[in-house]
Amino acid sequence: MSLTGTGSGRVRSGGGEIDCGATCSAAVNISSHLALTAPDAGSNFIGWSGACSGNGSCDVVADADKQVTARFGLLP
């Protein structure tokens, strides 16, 4: 998991397995379903890349090693 862009932010999973700042890695049970969100009142969430895409929620199944990047920008 990594974060890019000019803003700051965090990525969290609904079950609490993931709670990341700038970079992190997490070991989860194989076949776990992770619903990632990128809440941050101080930045603008731009979108996902890697195992997720778009700018909505990110649903990942941990069936292999996966890389997810969240991009944040400064608020206008």
PDB file of N, CA and C in Angstrom:
ATOM      1  N   MET A   1       0.855  -1.162   0.000  1.00  0.00           N
ATOM      2  CA  MET A   1       0.000   0.000   0.000  1.00  0.00           C
ATOM      3  C   MET A   1       0.896   1.218   0.000  1.00  0.00           C
ATOM      4  N   SER A   2       0.600   2.147  -0.854  1.00  0.00           N
ATOM      5  CA  SER A   2       1.341   3.399  -0.838  1.00  0.00           C
ATOM      6  C   SER A   2       0.407   4.549  -1.168  1.00  0.00           C
ATOM      7  N   LEU A   3       0.797   5.743  -0.758  1.00  0.00           N
ATOM      8  CA  LEU A   3       0.040   6.949  -1.053  1.00  0.00           C
ATOM      9  C   LEU A   3       0.930   7.871  -1.858  1.00  0.00           C
ATOM     10  N   THR A   4       0.338   8.537  -2.850  1.00  0.00           N
ATOM     11  CA  THR A   4       1.088   9.476  -3.674  1.00  0.00           C
ATOM     12  C   THR A   4       0.322  10.782  -3.784  1.00  0.00           C
ATOM     13  N   GLY A   5       0.950  11.779  -4.377  1.00  0.00           N
ATOM     14  CA  GLY A   5       0.319  13.065  -4.625  1.00  0.00           C
ATOM     15  C   GLY A   5       0.776  14.120  -3.643  1.00  0.00           C
ATOM     16  N   THR A   6       0.219  15.314  -3.790  1.00  0.00           N
ATOM     17  CA  THR A   6       0.611  16.443  -2.964  1.00  0.00           C
ATOM     18  C   THR A   6      -0.149  16.528  -1.652  1.00  0.00           C
ATOM     19  N   GLY A   7      -1.233  15.780  -1.533  1.00  0.00           N
ATOM     20  CA  GLY A   7      -2.023  15.797  -0.298  1.00  0.00           C
ATOM     21  C   GLY A   7      -1.554  14.729   0.668  1.00  0.00           C
ATOM     22  N   SER A   8      -2.233  14.669   1.784  1.00  0.00           N
ATOM     23  CA  SER A   8      -1.952  13.617   2.767  1.00  0.00           C
ATOM     24  C   SER A   8      -3.221  12.801   2.910  1.00  0.00           C
ATOM     25  N   GLY A   9      -3.117  11.648   3.460  1.00  0.00           N
ATOM     26  CA  GLY A   9      -4.311  10.834   3.624  1.00  0.00           C
ATOM     27  C   GLY A   9      -4.006   9.542   4.334  1.00  0.00           C
ATOM     28  N   ARG A  10      -5.042   8.752   4.517  1.00  0.00           N
ATOM     29  CA  ARG A  10      -4.940   7.434   5.128  1.00  0.00           C
ATOM     30  C   ARG A  10      -5.798   6.483   4.328  1.00  0.00           C
ATOM     31  N   VAL A  11      -5.448   5.222   4.369  1.00  0.00           N
ATOM     32  CA  VAL A  11      -6.277   4.176   3.770  1.00  0.00           C
ATOM     33  C   VAL A  11      -6.632   3.207   4.874  1.00  0.00           C
ATOM     34  N   ARG A  12      -7.902   2.882   4.934  1.00  0.00           N
ATOM     35  CA  ARG A  12      -8.392   1.964   5.976  1.00  0.00           C
ATOM     36  C   ARG A  12      -9.251   0.883   5.344  1.00  0.00           C
ATOM     37  N   SER A  13      -9.306  -0.255   6.019  1.00  0.00           N
ATOM     38  CA  SER A  13     -10.229  -1.305   5.589  1.00  0.00           C
ATOM     39  C   SER A  13     -11.372  -1.377   6.587  1.00  0.00           C
ATOM     40  N   GLY A  14     -12.521  -1.807   6.102  1.00  0.00           N
ATOM     41  CA  GLY A  14     -13.718  -1.869   6.929  1.00  0.00           C
ATOM     42  C   GLY A  14     -13.572  -2.767   8.141  1.00  0.00           C
ATOM     43  N   GLY A  15     -12.783  -3.828   8.041  1.00  0.00           N
ATOM     44  CA  GLY A  15     -12.604  -4.756   9.143  1.00  0.00           C
ATOM     45  C   GLY A  15     -11.459  -4.405  10.068  1.00  0.00           C
ATOM     46  N   GLY A  16     -10.735  -3.305   9.783  1.00  0.00           N
ATOM     47  CA  GLY A  16      -9.639  -2.878  10.637  1.00  0.00           C
ATOM     48  C   GLY A  16      -8.300  -3.533  10.344  1.00  0.00           C
ATOM     49  N   GLU A  17      -8.219  -4.374   9.308  1.00  0.00           N
ATOM     50  CA  GLU A  17      -6.949  -5.028   8.990  1.00  0.00           C
ATOM     51  C   GLU A  17      -5.912  -4.036   8.479  1.00  0.00           C
ATOM     52  N   ILE A  18      -6.366  -2.994   7.806  1.00  0.00           N
ATOM     53  CA  ILE A  18      -5.484  -2.004   7.192  1.00  0.00           C
ATOM     54  C   ILE A  18      -5.791  -0.635   7.780  1.00  0.00           C
ATOM     55  N   ASP A  19      -4.758   0.079   8.194  1.00  0.00           N
ATOM     56  CA  ASP A  19      -4.861   1.478   8.622  1.00  0.00           C
ATOM     57  C   ASP A  19      -3.498   2.094   8.336  1.00  0.00           C
ATOM     58  N   CYS A  20      -3.363   2.668   7.135  1.00  0.00           N
ATOM     59  CA  CYS A  20      -2.053   3.065   6.628  1.00  0.00           C
ATOM     60  C   CYS A  20      -1.935   4.548   6.394  1.00  0.00           C
ATOM     61  N   GLY A  21      -0.755   5.062   6.664  1.00  0.00           N
ATOM     62  CA  GLY A  21      -0.372   6.405   6.286  1.00  0.00           C
ATOM     63  C   GLY A  21       0.367   6.347   4.960  1.00  0.00           C
ATOM     64  N   ALA A  22       1.550   6.936   4.871  1.00  0.00           N
ATOM     65  CA  ALA A  22       2.268   7.066   3.599  1.00  0.00           C
ATOM     66  C   ALA A  22       2.574   5.728   2.925  1.00  0.00           C
ATOM     67  N   THR A  23       3.098   4.757   3.643  1.00  0.00           N
ATOM     68  CA  THR A  23       3.338   3.429   3.069  1.00  0.00           C
ATOM     69  C   THR A  23       3.124   2.396   4.157  1.00  0.00           C
ATOM     70  N   CYS A  24       2.744   1.224   3.755  1.00  0.00           N
ATOM     71  CA  CYS A  24       2.638   0.125   4.717  1.00  0.00           C
ATOM     72  C   CYS A  24       2.440  -1.179   3.977  1.00  0.00           C
ATOM     73  N   SER A  25       2.593  -2.233   4.693  1.00  0.00           N
ATOM     74  CA  SER A  25       2.225  -3.546   4.184  1.00  0.00           C
ATOM     75  C   SER A  25       1.488  -4.251   5.303  1.00  0.00           C
ATOM     76  N   ALA A  26       0.643  -5.175   4.921  1.00  0.00           N
ATOM     77  CA  ALA A  26      -0.135  -5.898   5.922  1.00  0.00           C
ATOM     78  C   ALA A  26      -0.282  -7.340   5.493  1.00  0.00           C
ATOM     79  N   ALA A  27      -0.169  -8.228   6.443  1.00  0.00           N
ATOM     80  CA  ALA A  27      -0.411  -9.638   6.186  1.00  0.00           C
ATOM     81  C   ALA A  27      -1.852  -9.935   6.593  1.00  0.00           C
ATOM     82  N   VAL A  28      -2.610 -10.475   5.667  1.00  0.00           N
ATOM     83  CA  VAL A  28      -4.003 -10.841   5.943  1.00  0.00           C
ATOM     84  C   VAL A  28      -4.208 -12.289   5.542  1.00  0.00           C
ATOM     85  N   ASN A  29      -5.243 -12.893   6.056  1.00  0.00           N
ATOM     86  CA  ASN A  29      -5.543 -14.282   5.716  1.00  0.00           C
ATOM     87  C   ASN A  29      -5.847 -14.417   4.233  1.00  0.00           C
ATOM     88  N   ILE A  30      -5.361 -15.488   3.633  1.00  0.00           N
ATOM     89  CA  ILE A  30      -5.617 -15.747   2.228  1.00  0.00           C
ATOM     90  C   ILE A  30      -7.126 -15.773   1.977  1.00  0.00           C
ATOM     91  N   SER A  31      -7.532 -15.223   0.888  1.00  0.00           N
ATOM     92  CA  SER A  31      -8.931 -15.106   0.463  1.00  0.00           C
ATOM     93  C   SER A  31      -9.730 -14.091   1.274  1.00  0.00           C
ATOM     94  N   SER A  32      -9.054 -13.297   2.120  1.00  0.00           N
ATOM     95  CA  SER A  32      -9.764 -12.238   2.846  1.00  0.00           C
ATOM     96  C   SER A  32     -10.314 -11.227   1.851  1.00  0.00           C
ATOM     97  N   HIS A  33     -11.478 -10.695   2.154  1.00  0.00           N
ATOM     98  CA  HIS A  33     -12.087  -9.639   1.358  1.00  0.00           C
ATOM     99  C   HIS A  33     -11.849  -8.325   2.085  1.00  0.00           C
ATOM    100  N   LEU A  34     -11.182  -7.381   1.425  1.00  0.00           N
ATOM    101  CA  LEU A  34     -10.871  -6.091   2.035  1.00  0.00           C
ATOM    102  C   LEU A  34     -11.619  -4.991   1.300  1.00  0.00           C
ATOM    103  N   ALA A  35     -12.369  -4.208   2.030  1.00  0.00           N
ATOM    104  CA  ALA A  35     -13.057  -3.045   1.481  1.00  0.00           C
ATOM    105  C   ALA A  35     -12.283  -1.815   1.934  1.00  0.00           C
ATOM    106  N   LEU A  36     -11.469  -1.255   1.026  1.00  0.00           N
ATOM    107  CA  LEU A  36     -10.602  -0.132   1.364  1.00  0.00           C
ATOM    108  C   LEU A  36     -11.303   1.198   1.107  1.00  0.00           C
ATOM    109  N   THR A  37     -11.068   2.141   2.003  1.00  0.00           N
ATOM    110  CA  THR A  37     -11.554   3.501   1.826  1.00  0.00           C
ATOM    111  C   THR A  37     -10.395   4.454   2.063  1.00  0.00           C
ATOM    112  N   ALA A  38     -10.529   5.663   1.546  1.00  0.00           N
ATOM    113  CA  ALA A  38      -9.462   6.656   1.687  1.00  0.00           C
ATOM    114  C   ALA A  38     -10.026   7.936   2.286  1.00  0.00           C
ATOM    115  N   PRO A  39     -10.431   7.887   3.560  1.00  0.00           N
ATOM    116  CA  PRO A  39     -11.005   9.092   4.171  1.00  0.00           C
ATOM    117  C   PRO A  39      -9.923  10.082   4.578  1.00  0.00           C
ATOM    118  N   ASP A  40     -10.140  11.336   4.307  1.00  0.00           N
ATOM    119  CA  ASP A  40      -9.238  12.372   4.797  1.00  0.00           C
ATOM    120  C   ASP A  40      -9.886  13.723   4.567  1.00  0.00           C
ATOM    121  N   ALA A  41     -10.247  14.391   5.632  1.00  0.00           N
ATOM    122  CA  ALA A  41     -10.903  15.689   5.528  1.00  0.00           C
ATOM    123  C   ALA A  41      -9.942  16.771   5.068  1.00  0.00           C
ATOM    124  N   GLY A  42      -8.626  16.554   5.204  1.00  0.00           N
ATOM    125  CA  GLY A  42      -7.654  17.585   4.877  1.00  0.00           C
ATOM    126  C   GLY A  42      -7.094  17.503   3.470  1.00  0.00           C
ATOM    127  N   SER A  43      -7.520  16.516   2.672  1.00  0.00           N
ATOM    128  CA  SER A  43      -7.007  16.344   1.317  1.00  0.00           C
ATOM    129  C   SER A  43      -8.127  15.914   0.385  1.00  0.00           C
ATOM    130  N   ASN A  44      -7.854  15.989  -0.896  1.00  0.00           N
ATOM    131  CA  ASN A  44      -8.780  15.563  -1.923  1.00  0.00           C
ATOM    132  C   ASN A  44      -8.336  14.194  -2.428  1.00  0.00           C
ATOM    133  N   PHE A  45      -9.177  13.168  -2.272  1.00  0.00           N
ATOM    134  CA  PHE A  45      -8.839  11.844  -2.777  1.00  0.00           C
ATOM    135  C   PHE A  45      -9.033  11.839  -4.287  1.00  0.00           C
ATOM    136  N   ILE A  46      -7.973  11.518  -5.032  1.00  0.00           N
ATOM    137  CA  ILE A  46      -8.021  11.547  -6.496  1.00  0.00           C
ATOM    138  C   ILE A  46      -8.386  10.189  -7.069  1.00  0.00           C
ATOM    139  N   GLY A  47      -7.816   9.117  -6.534  1.00  0.00           N
ATOM    140  CA  GLY A  47      -8.167   7.804  -7.056  1.00  0.00           C
ATOM    141  C   GLY A  47      -7.161   6.726  -6.709  1.00  0.00           C
ATOM    142  N   TRP A  48      -7.503   5.508  -7.126  1.00  0.00           N
ATOM    143  CA  TRP A  48      -6.719   4.307  -6.881  1.00  0.00           C
ATOM    144  C   TRP A  48      -5.943   3.912  -8.125  1.00  0.00           C
ATOM    145  N   SER A  49      -4.843   3.177  -7.915  1.00  0.00           N
ATOM    146  CA  SER A  49      -4.168   2.481  -9.005  1.00  0.00           C
ATOM    147  C   SER A  49      -3.616   1.173  -8.446  1.00  0.00           C
ATOM    148  N   GLY A  50      -3.150   0.328  -9.337  1.00  0.00           N
ATOM    149  CA  GLY A  50      -2.680  -0.988  -8.926  1.00  0.00           C
ATOM    150  C   GLY A  50      -3.831  -1.977  -8.963  1.00  0.00           C
ATOM    151  N   ALA A  51      -4.068  -2.676  -7.861  1.00  0.00           N
ATOM    152  CA  ALA A  51      -5.123  -3.680  -7.802  1.00  0.00           C
ATOM    153  C   ALA A  51      -6.523  -3.067  -7.779  1.00  0.00           C
ATOM    154  N   CYS A  52      -6.611  -1.747  -7.653  1.00  0.00           N
ATOM    155  CA  CYS A  52      -7.887  -1.039  -7.678  1.00  0.00           C
ATOM    156  C   CYS A  52      -7.803   0.081  -8.700  1.00  0.00           C
ATOM    157  N   SER A  53      -8.950   0.554  -9.145  1.00  0.00           N
ATOM    158  CA  SER A  53      -8.976   1.690 -10.071  1.00  0.00           C
ATOM    159  C   SER A  53     -10.192   2.540  -9.772  1.00  0.00           C
ATOM    160  N   GLY A  54     -10.215   3.720 -10.347  1.00  0.00           N
ATOM    161  CA  GLY A  54     -11.330   4.632 -10.135  1.00  0.00           C
ATOM    162  C   GLY A  54     -11.150   5.443  -8.871  1.00  0.00           C
ATOM    163  N   ASN A  55     -12.223   6.097  -8.447  1.00  0.00           N
ATOM    164  CA  ASN A  55     -12.144   6.920  -7.242  1.00  0.00           C
ATOM    165  C   ASN A  55     -13.240   6.601  -6.235  1.00  0.00           C
ATOM    166  N   GLY A  56     -13.878   5.446  -6.386  1.00  0.00           N
ATOM    167  CA  GLY A  56     -14.851   4.994  -5.401  1.00  0.00           C
ATOM    168  C   GLY A  56     -14.181   4.081  -4.384  1.00  0.00           C
ATOM    169  N   SER A  57     -14.953   3.192  -3.819  1.00  0.00           N
ATOM    170  CA  SER A  57     -14.369   2.250  -2.864  1.00  0.00           C
ATOM    171  C   SER A  57     -13.516   1.235  -3.619  1.00  0.00           C
ATOM    172  N   CYS A  58     -12.634   0.587  -2.893  1.00  0.00           N
ATOM    173  CA  CYS A  58     -11.710  -0.389  -3.470  1.00  0.00           C
ATOM    174  C   CYS A  58     -11.947  -1.722  -2.768  1.00  0.00           C
ATOM    175  N   ASP A  59     -12.431  -2.699  -3.509  1.00  0.00           N
ATOM    176  CA  ASP A  59     -12.659  -4.033  -2.957  1.00  0.00           C
ATOM    177  C   ASP A  59     -11.596  -4.972  -3.496  1.00  0.00           C
ATOM    178  N   VAL A  60     -10.829  -5.563  -2.581  1.00  0.00           N
ATOM    179  CA  VAL A  60      -9.719  -6.435  -2.951  1.00  0.00           C
ATOM    180  C   VAL A  60      -9.896  -7.777  -2.274  1.00  0.00           C
ATOM    181  N   VAL A  61      -9.667  -8.853  -3.027  1.00  0.00           N
ATOM    182  CA  VAL A  61      -9.622 -10.194  -2.447  1.00  0.00           C
ATOM    183  C   VAL A  61      -8.157 -10.586  -2.361  1.00  0.00           C
ATOM    184  N   ALA A  62      -7.724 -10.957  -1.178  1.00  0.00           N
ATOM    185  CA  ALA A  62      -6.315 -11.289  -0.925  1.00  0.00           C
ATOM    186  C   ALA A  62      -6.037 -12.721  -1.367  1.00  0.00           C
ATOM    187  N   ASP A  63      -6.050 -12.936  -2.688  1.00  0.00           N
ATOM    188  CA  ASP A  63      -5.770 -14.268  -3.217  1.00  0.00           C
ATOM    189  C   ASP A  63      -4.343 -14.377  -3.760  1.00  0.00           C
ATOM    190  N   ALA A  64      -3.576 -13.280  -3.659  1.00  0.00           N
ATOM    191  CA  ALA A  64      -2.169 -13.214  -4.055  1.00  0.00           C
ATOM    192  C   ALA A  64      -1.611 -11.908  -3.504  1.00  0.00           C
ATOM    193  N   ASP A  65      -0.279 -11.708  -3.621  1.00  0.00           N
ATOM    194  CA  ASP A  65       0.292 -10.411  -3.241  1.00  0.00           C
ATOM    195  C   ASP A  65      -0.272  -9.349  -4.173  1.00  0.00           C
ATOM    196  N   LYS A  66      -0.733  -8.247  -3.616  1.00  0.00           N
ATOM    197  CA  LYS A  66      -1.312  -7.170  -4.416  1.00  0.00           C
ATOM    198  C   LYS A  66      -0.790  -5.834  -3.946  1.00  0.00           C
ATOM    199  N   GLN A  67      -0.628  -4.925  -4.878  1.00  0.00           N
ATOM    200  CA  GLN A  67      -0.181  -3.563  -4.603  1.00  0.00           C
ATOM    201  C   GLN A  67      -1.333  -2.612  -4.905  1.00  0.00           C
ATOM    202  N   VAL A  68      -1.620  -1.732  -3.962  1.00  0.00           N
ATOM    203  CA  VAL A  68      -2.660  -0.718  -4.140  1.00  0.00           C
ATOM    204  C   VAL A  68      -2.045   0.637  -3.823  1.00  0.00           C
ATOM    205  N   THR A  69      -2.298   1.610  -4.681  1.00  0.00           N
ATOM    206  CA  THR A  69      -1.829   2.977  -4.444  1.00  0.00           C
ATOM    207  C   THR A  69      -3.029   3.910  -4.381  1.00  0.00           C
ATOM    208  N   ALA A  70      -3.049   4.791  -3.390  1.00  0.00           N
ATOM    209  CA  ALA A  70      -4.081   5.817  -3.256  1.00  0.00           C
ATOM    210  C   ALA A  70      -3.433   7.167  -3.513  1.00  0.00           C
ATOM    211  N   ARG A  71      -4.052   7.974  -4.370  1.00  0.00           N
ATOM    212  CA  ARG A  71      -3.486   9.287  -4.701  1.00  0.00           C
ATOM    213  C   ARG A  71      -4.350  10.387  -4.091  1.00  0.00           C
ATOM    214  N   PHE A  72      -3.677  11.329  -3.418  1.00  0.00           N
ATOM    215  CA  PHE A  72      -4.330  12.457  -2.768  1.00  0.00           C
ATOM    216  C   PHE A  72      -3.782  13.763  -3.315  1.00  0.00           C
ATOM    217  N   GLY A  73      -4.632  14.767  -3.416  1.00  0.00           N
ATOM    218  CA  GLY A  73      -4.217  16.102  -3.815  1.00  0.00           C
ATOM    219  C   GLY A  73      -4.611  17.086  -2.741  1.00  0.00           C
ATOM    220  N   LEU A  74      -4.126  18.306  -2.883  1.00  0.00           N
ATOM    221  CA  LEU A  74      -4.486  19.366  -1.958  1.00  0.00           C
ATOM    222  C   LEU A  74      -5.914  19.810  -2.215  1.00  0.00           C
ATOM    223  N   LEU A  75      -6.592  20.245  -1.185  1.00  0.00           N
ATOM    224  CA  LEU A  75      -7.930  20.779  -1.353  1.00  0.00           C
ATOM    225  C   LEU A  75      -7.853  22.088  -2.144  1.00  0.00           C
ATOM    226  N   PRO A  76      -8.854  22.345  -2.991  1.00  0.00           N
ATOM    227  CA  PRO A  76      -8.830  23.586  -3.776  1.00  0.00           C
ATOM    228  C   PRO A  76      -8.975  24.808  -2.902  1.00  0.00           C
TER     229      PRO A  76
END
